């Protein structure tokens, strides 16, 4: 300190000593606020991403454990139902009433499920109660035990989003809520399906059409891979099929390229498949939205709605081969890839449309779970049905439908490409890319989720 600075210091000291106690207190308060602002700016600039990434590890680990537990219980209750469908499916309407009353008493507000998650992500709502987790898990187990044609991804994404959002409240970082909510969504999907690349892509692209939220890229990646590894360690098995091993007589590269170069004829066949898958996926999303509105208008009482329609669904489930279309639909997927010699021989032409209709009815009236796994089944069986018409090998067409119908229904592009590669082998990636591009373009802009549209100026 030089003599000039020393003089300024003495001058300030004399002025400060002459101030009233109120002025001194105000000066100290202003100094503290300035210090807090400088610390906050430092944290935002240099420490926000490391802090959020560490938090994403925690989110991923907890969500991975919860989704592993949820998934294992779901498989167990599904096995109980499949062993005795005549005992359980007739009670679907009764358990539906119990679900509605349970939400009214214990989970008020959380019955909106994914709509609430997307509302918070879009800034329209501010809270996701922790009670959403036990409510959606229990109601989904009951839906599946009694035969409802529903999925499971809704539970996983809601678990992840709820935990990510609530953990973010403890972190004084700008946009922590949205970033950790996205990371939680990725963790939920990755933990349940064990497809981390698809989970990351889905969480980043599903909120806003035509836009990737890259601010959440690193936390979402860390959360997804952590959840995937934790659920794997806890014994949740991944569904995967290596088409190259199961069907060694042909491969995607050999179909796409020949001695003259790119096989344009086969590319056009894949493009046609993509158009068809996009129409089916987009049609599912549109009809589900219409069915929800119709059910709410015609039967505004939620208890009567789920009771009356639940009776009809259980009767149809029993009528159509005693539960063939109950639950997730993984049995239909297995039929498409039974073995190399008899692949597709147990797939019926009506499988995809009946699963399509029963899933819409189940979800529209208030049963819980989600739509994604039934969409996998719808896509696989539809692909198996149109394979011969289009001229694409049945197992490949079924695999492409598995992913592309899901993409068409969620209005996403990268997620179905990655899920196809992660489930069926990365050597199939070029075919999934072509098909999913056309499915995305031809789905009519429909989505089963409450996506925001990107407004172009």
Protein backbone atom coordinates (compact mmCIF):
# COMPACT_ATOMS: atom_id res chain seq x y z
CA UNK A 1 0.00 0.00 0.00
CA UNK A 2 1.50 3.39 -0.99
CA UNK A 3 1.04 6.70 0.82
CA UNK A 4 -1.83 7.76 -1.49
CA UNK A 5 -3.82 4.54 -0.76
CA UNK A 6 -3.05 4.95 2.95
CA UNK A 7 -4.48 8.42 2.82
CA UNK A 8 -7.67 7.24 1.10
CA UNK A 9 -8.03 4.49 3.68
CA UNK A 10 -7.73 7.01 6.57
CA UNK A 11 -10.23 9.29 4.82
CA UNK A 12 -12.75 6.43 4.41
CA UNK A 13 -12.15 5.36 8.04
CA UNK A 14 -12.95 8.87 9.28
CA UNK A 15 -16.12 9.05 7.12
CA UNK A 16 -17.23 5.60 8.32
CA UNK A 17 -16.64 6.58 11.96
CA UNK A 18 -18.81 9.65 11.48
CA UNK A 19 -21.77 7.71 10.08
CA UNK A 20 -24.87 6.92 12.05
CA UNK A 21 -25.41 3.27 13.14
CA UNK A 22 -28.18 2.94 10.55
CA UNK A 23 -25.88 4.12 7.74
CA UNK A 24 -23.12 1.78 8.90
CA UNK A 25 -25.55 -1.16 8.87
CA UNK A 26 -26.74 -0.24 5.37
CA UNK A 27 -23.14 0.01 4.11
CA UNK A 28 -22.29 -3.40 5.57
CA UNK A 29 -25.41 -4.90 4.00
CA UNK A 30 -24.49 -3.50 0.59
CA UNK A 31 -20.95 -4.87 0.92
CA UNK A 32 -22.26 -8.33 1.77
CA UNK A 33 -24.65 -8.29 -1.17
CA UNK A 34 -21.83 -7.29 -3.52
CA UNK A 35 -19.68 -10.10 -2.16
CA UNK A 36 -22.51 -12.61 -2.61
CA UNK A 37 -23.04 -11.41 -6.18
CA UNK A 38 -19.34 -11.85 -6.97
CA UNK A 39 -19.30 -15.35 -5.45
CA UNK A 40 -22.47 -16.28 -7.34
CA UNK A 41 -20.98 -15.03 -10.62
CA UNK A 42 -17.81 -17.04 -9.96
CA UNK A 43 -19.85 -20.19 -9.24
CA UNK A 44 -22.00 -19.72 -12.32
CA UNK A 45 -18.99 -19.21 -14.56
CA UNK A 46 -16.59 -21.85 -13.31
CA UNK A 47 -18.28 -24.28 -10.94
CA UNK A 48 -21.87 -24.76 -12.21
CA UNK A 49 -21.10 -27.55 -14.66
CA UNK A 50 -18.88 -29.56 -12.24
CA UNK A 51 -21.50 -29.17 -9.49
CA UNK A 52 -24.34 -30.28 -11.76
CA UNK A 53 -22.27 -33.19 -13.07
CA UNK A 54 -21.55 -34.42 -9.54
CA UNK A 55 -25.25 -34.06 -8.74
CA UNK A 56 -26.05 -36.04 -11.91
CA UNK A 57 -23.96 -38.94 -10.60
CA UNK A 58 -26.10 -38.98 -7.46
CA UNK A 59 -29.31 -38.73 -9.49
CA UNK A 60 -28.16 -41.54 -11.79
CA UNK A 61 -27.19 -43.86 -8.95
CA UNK A 62 -30.45 -43.42 -7.04
CA UNK A 63 -32.62 -43.59 -10.16
CA UNK A 64 -30.72 -46.66 -11.39
CA UNK A 65 -31.45 -48.46 -8.12
CA UNK A 66 -35.11 -47.45 -8.12
CA UNK A 67 -35.70 -48.40 -11.75
CA UNK A 68 -33.97 -51.76 -11.22
CA UNK A 69 -36.30 -52.48 -8.30
CA UNK A 70 -39.34 -51.26 -10.21
CA UNK A 71 -38.44 -53.27 -13.31
CA UNK A 72 -37.83 -56.51 -11.40
CA UNK A 73 -41.14 -56.22 -9.52
CA UNK A 74 -42.93 -55.46 -12.80
CA UNK A 75 -41.48 -58.59 -14.42
CA UNK A 76 -42.57 -60.62 -11.39
CA UNK A 77 -46.17 -59.38 -11.40
CA UNK A 78 -46.36 -59.87 -15.17
CA UNK A 79 -45.23 -63.49 -14.73
CA UNK A 80 -47.93 -64.02 -12.08
CA UNK A 81 -50.58 -62.68 -14.46
CA UNK A 82 -49.35 -64.73 -17.41
CA UNK A 83 -49.45 -67.90 -15.32
CA UNK A 84 -53.14 -67.39 -14.46
CA UNK A 85 -54.70 -64.78 -16.77
CA UNK A 86 -58.25 -65.91 -16.02
CA UNK A 87 -57.76 -65.08 -12.34
CA UNK A 88 -56.40 -61.57 -12.80
CA UNK A 89 -57.70 -59.97 -16.02
CA UNK A 90 -61.38 -59.96 -14.93
CA UNK A 91 -60.43 -57.65 -12.05
CA UNK A 92 -59.00 -54.90 -14.26
CA UNK A 93 -61.98 -52.54 -13.85
CA UNK A 94 -62.01 -52.97 -10.07
CA UNK A 95 -58.32 -52.23 -9.74
CA UNK A 96 -58.78 -49.24 -12.05
CA UNK A 97 -61.29 -47.79 -9.61
CA UNK A 98 -58.81 -48.40 -6.79
CA UNK A 99 -56.11 -46.53 -8.74
CA UNK A 100 -58.34 -43.50 -9.31
CA UNK A 101 -59.45 -43.38 -5.66
CA UNK A 102 -55.87 -43.87 -4.49
CA UNK A 103 -54.70 -40.87 -6.49
CA UNK A 104 -57.55 -38.74 -5.14
CA UNK A 105 -56.67 -39.62 -1.54
CA UNK A 106 -52.87 -39.90 -1.57
CA UNK A 107 -51.54 -38.50 -4.85
CA UNK A 108 -53.68 -35.51 -5.69
CA UNK A 109 -52.22 -33.66 -8.68
CA UNK A 110 -49.73 -36.37 -9.57
CA UNK A 111 -52.24 -38.33 -11.63
CA UNK A 112 -51.24 -36.07 -14.55
CA UNK A 113 -47.91 -37.90 -14.66
CA UNK A 114 -45.89 -37.03 -17.75
CA UNK A 115 -47.94 -33.88 -18.38
CA UNK A 116 -46.77 -32.56 -15.00
CA UNK A 117 -43.14 -33.44 -15.80
CA UNK A 118 -43.32 -31.62 -19.13
CA UNK A 119 -45.13 -28.69 -17.51
CA UNK A 120 -42.22 -28.19 -15.08
CA UNK A 121 -39.66 -28.67 -17.86
CA UNK A 122 -41.39 -25.96 -19.92
CA UNK A 123 -41.58 -23.58 -16.95
CA UNK A 124 -45.39 -23.68 -16.77
CA UNK A 125 -45.34 -25.37 -13.36
CA UNK A 126 -42.89 -25.23 -10.47
CA UNK A 127 -43.25 -28.44 -8.49
CA UNK A 128 -43.10 -32.24 -8.87
CA UNK A 129 -44.08 -33.80 -5.53
CA UNK A 130 -42.01 -36.75 -4.33
CA UNK A 131 -45.24 -38.70 -3.75
CA UNK A 132 -45.43 -39.10 -7.51
CA UNK A 133 -42.81 -41.89 -7.33
CA UNK A 134 -44.63 -44.41 -5.10
CA UNK A 135 -47.98 -43.56 -6.66
CA UNK A 136 -46.96 -44.16 -10.27
CA UNK A 137 -44.92 -47.27 -9.42
CA UNK A 138 -47.70 -48.94 -7.42
CA UNK A 139 -50.44 -48.04 -9.90
CA UNK A 140 -48.34 -49.39 -12.80
CA UNK A 141 -47.68 -52.69 -11.01
CA UNK A 142 -51.43 -53.05 -10.43
CA UNK A 143 -52.26 -52.11 -14.02
CA UNK A 144 -49.96 -54.85 -15.29
CA UNK A 145 -50.96 -57.45 -12.71
CA UNK A 146 -54.55 -57.17 -13.88
CA UNK A 147 -53.72 -57.15 -17.58
CA UNK A 148 -53.79 -53.52 -18.69
CA UNK A 149 -52.06 -53.02 -22.04
CA UNK A 150 -49.56 -50.41 -20.94
CA UNK A 151 -45.86 -49.66 -20.87
CA UNK A 152 -43.31 -48.82 -18.21
CA UNK A 153 -41.18 -45.93 -19.45
CA UNK A 154 -43.58 -43.38 -17.97
CA UNK A 155 -42.71 -44.62 -14.50
CA UNK A 156 -38.97 -44.56 -15.13
CA UNK A 157 -39.00 -41.05 -16.60
CA UNK A 158 -41.25 -39.75 -13.80
CA UNK A 159 -38.98 -41.29 -11.15
CA UNK A 160 -35.93 -39.68 -12.72
CA UNK A 161 -37.53 -36.30 -13.34
CA UNK A 162 -38.99 -36.13 -9.84
CA UNK A 163 -35.68 -36.92 -8.14
CA UNK A 164 -33.67 -34.65 -10.43
CA UNK A 165 -36.06 -31.76 -9.87
CA UNK A 166 -36.14 -32.16 -6.08
CA UNK A 167 -32.35 -32.54 -5.76
CA UNK A 168 -31.90 -29.38 -7.83
CA UNK A 169 -33.61 -27.35 -5.08
CA UNK A 170 -30.51 -27.80 -2.92
CA UNK A 171 -28.15 -26.52 -5.62
CA UNK A 172 -27.73 -22.72 -6.02
CA UNK A 173 -26.95 -22.90 -9.74
CA UNK A 174 -28.87 -21.22 -12.53
CA UNK A 175 -31.07 -23.62 -14.53
CA UNK A 176 -30.25 -26.46 -12.11
CA UNK A 177 -33.91 -27.52 -12.03
CA UNK A 178 -34.28 -27.98 -15.77
CA UNK A 179 -30.84 -29.51 -16.30
CA UNK A 180 -31.20 -32.08 -13.51
CA UNK A 181 -34.78 -32.81 -14.57
CA UNK A 182 -33.48 -33.67 -18.05
CA UNK A 183 -30.63 -35.68 -16.50
CA UNK A 184 -33.17 -37.53 -14.36
CA UNK A 185 -35.29 -38.35 -17.40
CA UNK A 186 -32.23 -39.77 -19.15
CA UNK A 187 -31.31 -41.76 -16.03
CA UNK A 188 -34.82 -43.22 -15.74
CA UNK A 189 -34.96 -44.42 -19.33
CA UNK A 190 -31.36 -45.72 -19.26
CA UNK A 191 -31.85 -47.52 -15.95
CA UNK A 192 -35.00 -49.32 -17.08
CA UNK A 193 -34.15 -50.11 -20.72
CA UNK A 194 -30.35 -50.10 -20.34
CA UNK A 195 -29.92 -48.12 -23.54
CA UNK A 196 -27.97 -45.07 -22.35
CA UNK A 197 -27.35 -43.49 -25.77
CA UNK A 198 -31.05 -43.59 -26.64
CA UNK A 199 -31.89 -42.29 -23.16
CA UNK A 200 -29.59 -39.29 -23.55
CA UNK A 201 -30.97 -38.48 -27.00
CA UNK A 202 -34.59 -38.84 -25.86
CA UNK A 203 -34.13 -36.58 -22.83
CA UNK A 204 -32.37 -33.90 -24.88
CA UNK A 205 -34.71 -33.83 -27.88
CA UNK A 206 -38.15 -34.73 -26.56
CA UNK A 207 -39.00 -31.44 -24.81
CA UNK A 208 -38.77 -29.09 -27.78
CA UNK A 209 -39.37 -30.18 -31.36
CA UNK A 210 -36.36 -29.68 -33.60
CA UNK A 211 -34.01 -28.59 -30.82
CA UNK A 212 -31.42 -30.32 -28.62
CA UNK A 213 -30.97 -28.94 -25.12
CA UNK A 214 -27.18 -29.24 -25.12
CA UNK A 215 -26.79 -27.34 -21.85
CA UNK A 216 -27.81 -30.60 -20.18
CA UNK A 217 -25.62 -32.84 -22.35
CA UNK A 218 -22.87 -33.69 -19.85
CA UNK A 219 -25.13 -34.12 -16.79
CA UNK A 220 -27.58 -36.21 -18.84
CA UNK A 221 -24.73 -38.38 -20.15
CA UNK A 222 -23.27 -38.94 -16.69
CA UNK A 223 -26.70 -39.65 -15.17
CA UNK A 224 -27.69 -42.07 -17.95
CA UNK A 225 -24.51 -44.15 -17.83
CA UNK A 226 -24.54 -44.19 -14.02
CA UNK A 227 -28.15 -45.37 -13.91
CA UNK A 228 -27.45 -47.96 -16.60
CA UNK A 229 -24.50 -49.41 -14.69
CA UNK A 230 -26.27 -49.41 -11.32
CA UNK A 231 -29.38 -51.15 -12.68
CA UNK A 232 -27.15 -53.68 -14.47
CA UNK A 233 -25.23 -54.39 -11.26
CA UNK A 234 -28.51 -54.88 -9.40
CA UNK A 235 -29.54 -57.61 -11.84
CA UNK A 236 -32.03 -55.97 -14.20
CA UNK A 237 -31.59 -57.75 -17.53
CA UNK A 238 -31.38 -55.91 -20.84
CA UNK A 239 -33.43 -56.99 -23.83
CA UNK A 240 -31.18 -57.25 -26.86
CA UNK A 241 -31.01 -59.25 -30.07
CA UNK A 242 -27.94 -59.54 -32.24
CA UNK A 243 -29.44 -59.94 -35.70
CA UNK A 244 -26.04 -60.78 -37.19
CA UNK A 245 -25.73 -63.77 -34.84
CA UNK A 246 -29.34 -64.87 -35.05
CA UNK A 247 -29.49 -64.62 -38.85
CA UNK A 248 -25.92 -65.17 -40.11
CA UNK A 249 -26.94 -65.74 -43.74
CA UNK A 250 -27.45 -62.04 -44.37
CA UNK A 251 -26.30 -58.69 -43.00
CA UNK A 252 -27.38 -55.10 -43.38
CA UNK A 253 -24.17 -54.02 -45.08
CA UNK A 254 -24.65 -56.71 -47.73
CA UNK A 255 -28.19 -55.50 -48.36
CA UNK A 256 -27.27 -51.81 -48.55
CA UNK A 257 -24.16 -52.15 -50.67
CA UNK A 258 -23.34 -54.51 -53.51
CA UNK A 259 -20.62 -54.80 -56.13
CA UNK A 260 -21.94 -51.72 -57.97
CA UNK A 261 -22.10 -49.54 -54.85
CA UNK A 262 -25.11 -48.33 -52.89
CA UNK A 263 -28.20 -50.45 -53.48
CA UNK A 264 -30.71 -47.71 -54.32
CA UNK A 265 -33.55 -50.19 -54.64
CA UNK A 266 -33.06 -51.40 -51.07
CA UNK A 267 -32.71 -47.83 -49.80
CA UNK A 268 -36.08 -47.02 -51.37
CA UNK A 269 -37.59 -50.04 -49.64
CA UNK A 270 -36.25 -48.78 -46.31
CA UNK A 271 -37.65 -45.32 -47.06
CA UNK A 272 -41.08 -46.85 -47.74
CA UNK A 273 -40.91 -48.71 -44.45
CA UNK A 274 -40.03 -45.45 -42.72
CA UNK A 275 -43.06 -43.72 -44.19
CA UNK A 276 -45.33 -46.55 -43.02
CA UNK A 277 -43.81 -46.63 -39.53
CA UNK A 278 -44.11 -42.86 -39.24
CA UNK A 279 -47.80 -43.00 -40.15
CA UNK A 280 -48.45 -45.75 -37.59
CA UNK A 281 -46.51 -43.96 -34.84
CA UNK A 282 -48.01 -40.57 -35.56
CA UNK A 283 -51.46 -42.14 -35.87
CA UNK A 284 -51.05 -43.76 -32.46
CA UNK A 285 -50.15 -40.42 -30.86
CA UNK A 286 -53.04 -38.60 -32.53
CA UNK A 287 -55.64 -41.24 -31.74
CA UNK A 288 -54.43 -41.46 -28.13
CA UNK A 289 -54.93 -37.71 -27.74
CA UNK A 290 -58.40 -37.91 -29.27
CA UNK A 291 -59.32 -40.92 -27.14
CA UNK A 292 -58.34 -39.09 -23.94
CA UNK A 293 -60.52 -36.11 -24.88
CA UNK A 294 -63.42 -38.33 -25.95
CA UNK A 295 -63.28 -40.41 -22.76
CA UNK A 296 -63.15 -37.29 -20.58
CA UNK A 297 -66.09 -35.68 -22.42
CA UNK A 298 -68.33 -38.73 -22.59
CA UNK A 299 -67.49 -40.00 -19.09
CA UNK A 300 -66.37 -37.00 -17.02
CA UNK A 301 -66.50 -39.00 -13.79
CA UNK A 302 -63.05 -40.62 -13.56
CA UNK A 303 -64.26 -43.56 -11.47
CA UNK A 304 -67.08 -44.46 -13.86
CA UNK A 305 -64.82 -43.92 -16.86
CA UNK A 306 -62.14 -46.35 -15.75
CA UNK A 307 -64.72 -48.86 -14.44
CA UNK A 308 -66.87 -49.05 -17.58
CA UNK A 309 -64.02 -49.05 -20.07
CA UNK A 310 -61.98 -51.35 -17.83
CA UNK A 311 -64.73 -53.98 -18.04
CA UNK A 312 -64.72 -53.75 -21.84
CA UNK A 313 -60.92 -53.99 -21.99
CA UNK A 314 -60.79 -57.06 -19.74
CA UNK A 315 -63.46 -58.79 -21.83
CA UNK A 316 -61.53 -58.08 -25.03
CA UNK A 317 -58.25 -59.23 -23.49
CA UNK A 318 -59.84 -62.54 -22.53
CA UNK A 319 -61.60 -62.90 -25.88
CA UNK A 320 -58.38 -62.44 -27.84
CA UNK A 321 -56.44 -65.54 -26.85
CA UNK A 322 -56.76 -65.08 -23.08
CA UNK A 323 -54.33 -62.26 -22.52
CA UNK A 324 -52.15 -62.27 -25.63
CA UNK A 325 -52.35 -58.46 -25.67
CA UNK A 326 -52.17 -57.90 -21.91
CA UNK A 327 -49.28 -56.08 -20.29
CA UNK A 328 -46.15 -54.81 -21.99
CA UNK A 329 -46.36 -56.80 -25.23
CA UNK A 330 -42.90 -58.33 -24.90
CA UNK A 331 -44.43 -61.70 -25.79
CA UNK A 332 -45.31 -60.28 -29.23
CA UNK A 333 -41.76 -58.99 -29.66
CA UNK A 334 -40.40 -62.43 -28.77
CA UNK A 335 -42.64 -63.98 -31.43
CA UNK A 336 -41.04 -61.76 -34.07
CA UNK A 337 -37.54 -63.01 -33.23
CA UNK A 338 -38.34 -66.52 -31.99
CA UNK A 339 -35.50 -68.28 -33.81
CA UNK A 340 -33.77 -68.28 -37.14
CA UNK A 341 -35.86 -71.03 -38.70
CA UNK A 342 -39.37 -70.18 -37.54
CA UNK A 343 -39.09 -66.42 -37.12
CA UNK A 344 -42.43 -64.67 -37.35
CA UNK A 345 -44.48 -67.85 -37.71
CA UNK A 346 -46.47 -67.07 -34.55
CA UNK A 347 -47.12 -63.44 -35.45
CA UNK A 348 -50.69 -62.76 -36.56
CA UNK A 349 -51.66 -60.09 -39.07
CA UNK A 350 -54.01 -58.56 -36.47
CA UNK A 351 -51.43 -58.40 -33.67
CA UNK A 352 -50.28 -54.86 -34.26
CA UNK A 353 -53.73 -53.34 -34.68
CA UNK A 354 -55.21 -55.08 -31.62
CA UNK A 355 -52.24 -54.07 -29.45
CA UNK A 356 -52.56 -50.57 -30.91
CA UNK A 357 -56.25 -50.25 -29.99
CA UNK A 358 -56.07 -51.89 -26.56
CA UNK A 359 -53.10 -49.76 -25.51
CA UNK A 360 -54.90 -46.56 -26.49
CA UNK A 361 -57.99 -47.65 -24.57
CA UNK A 362 -55.97 -48.60 -21.50
CA UNK A 363 -54.00 -45.35 -21.28
CA UNK A 364 -56.85 -43.04 -22.34
CA UNK A 365 -59.09 -43.96 -19.41
CA UNK A 366 -56.47 -43.58 -16.69
CA UNK A 367 -54.47 -46.77 -16.24
CA UNK A 368 -50.79 -46.13 -15.58
CA UNK A 369 -47.48 -47.18 -17.06
CA UNK A 370 -46.69 -45.58 -20.37
CA UNK A 371 -46.78 -46.32 -24.06
CA UNK A 372 -43.24 -47.05 -25.21
CA UNK A 373 -42.95 -50.82 -24.73
CA UNK A 374 -46.35 -51.43 -26.37
CA UNK A 375 -45.11 -49.18 -29.19
CA UNK A 376 -42.07 -51.45 -29.54
CA UNK A 377 -44.46 -54.42 -29.83
CA UNK A 378 -46.75 -52.60 -32.28
CA UNK A 379 -43.79 -51.61 -34.45
CA UNK A 380 -42.20 -55.06 -34.43
CA UNK A 381 -45.42 -56.90 -35.32
CA UNK A 382 -46.38 -54.32 -37.94
CA UNK A 383 -42.91 -54.63 -39.44
CA UNK A 384 -43.23 -58.41 -39.51
CA UNK A 385 -46.59 -58.07 -41.27
CA UNK A 386 -45.43 -55.69 -44.03
CA UNK A 387 -41.97 -57.22 -44.53
CA UNK A 388 -42.95 -59.48 -47.42
CA UNK A 389 -45.01 -56.75 -49.10
CA UNK A 390 -42.09 -54.31 -49.08
CA UNK A 391 -39.44 -56.91 -49.81
CA UNK A 392 -37.31 -56.57 -46.67
CA UNK A 393 -36.23 -59.59 -44.58
CA UNK A 394 -38.78 -60.13 -41.81
CA UNK A 395 -36.43 -59.93 -38.79
CA UNK A 396 -34.89 -56.70 -40.10
CA UNK A 397 -38.30 -55.18 -40.84
CA UNK A 398 -39.50 -56.14 -37.35
CA UNK A 399 -36.40 -54.60 -35.77
CA UNK A 400 -36.79 -51.41 -37.78
CA UNK A 401 -40.45 -51.16 -36.83
CA UNK A 402 -39.55 -51.71 -33.16
CA UNK A 403 -37.57 -48.46 -33.15
CA UNK A 404 -39.19 -46.34 -35.87
CA UNK A 405 -42.80 -46.57 -34.66
CA UNK A 406 -41.55 -45.46 -31.25
CA UNK A 407 -39.80 -42.54 -32.95
CA UNK A 408 -42.91 -41.67 -34.92
CA UNK A 409 -45.06 -41.65 -31.78
CA UNK A 410 -42.61 -39.57 -29.72
CA UNK A 411 -41.67 -37.22 -32.59
CA UNK A 412 -37.97 -37.92 -32.03
CA UNK A 413 -35.19 -38.78 -34.45
CA UNK A 414 -31.97 -39.62 -32.62
CA UNK A 415 -33.54 -41.66 -29.82
CA UNK A 416 -35.04 -44.36 -32.09
CA UNK A 417 -31.85 -44.58 -34.17
CA UNK A 418 -29.78 -45.22 -31.05
CA UNK A 419 -32.28 -47.57 -29.44
CA UNK A 420 -32.32 -49.66 -32.61
CA UNK A 421 -28.52 -49.87 -32.65
CA UNK A 422 -28.25 -50.59 -28.91
CA UNK A 423 -30.87 -53.35 -29.04
CA UNK A 424 -30.11 -54.97 -32.41
CA UNK A 425 -26.43 -54.23 -32.99
CA UNK A 426 -24.53 -51.21 -34.28
CA UNK A 427 -23.96 -52.83 -37.66
CA UNK A 428 -27.65 -52.08 -38.32
CA UNK A 429 -27.21 -48.33 -37.73
CA UNK A 430 -27.36 -47.24 -41.43
CA UNK A 431 -30.71 -48.98 -41.91
CA UNK A 432 -32.13 -47.48 -38.70
CA UNK A 433 -30.93 -44.04 -39.78
CA UNK A 434 -32.72 -44.19 -43.14
CA UNK A 435 -35.96 -45.61 -41.74
CA UNK A 436 -36.12 -43.31 -38.70
CA UNK A 437 -35.51 -40.20 -40.81
CA UNK A 438 -38.54 -40.99 -42.97
CA UNK A 439 -40.61 -41.99 -39.93
CA UNK A 440 -39.79 -38.65 -38.29
CA UNK A 441 -40.69 -36.69 -41.41
CA UNK A 442 -43.96 -38.59 -41.99
CA UNK A 443 -45.44 -38.75 -38.48
CA UNK A 444 -47.47 -35.58 -38.92
CA UNK A 445 -45.71 -33.79 -36.07
CA UNK A 446 -47.61 -35.87 -33.50
CA UNK A 447 -46.26 -36.93 -30.11
CA UNK A 448 -47.52 -38.88 -27.10
CA UNK A 449 -45.75 -36.24 -24.98
CA UNK A 450 -46.59 -32.58 -24.43
CA UNK A 451 -43.78 -31.20 -26.58
CA UNK A 452 -43.23 -27.55 -27.33
CA UNK A 453 -43.13 -26.49 -30.96
CA UNK A 454 -40.09 -24.55 -32.15
CA UNK A 455 -41.28 -21.21 -33.45
CA UNK A 456 -39.36 -19.98 -36.46
CA UNK A 457 -39.22 -16.22 -36.96
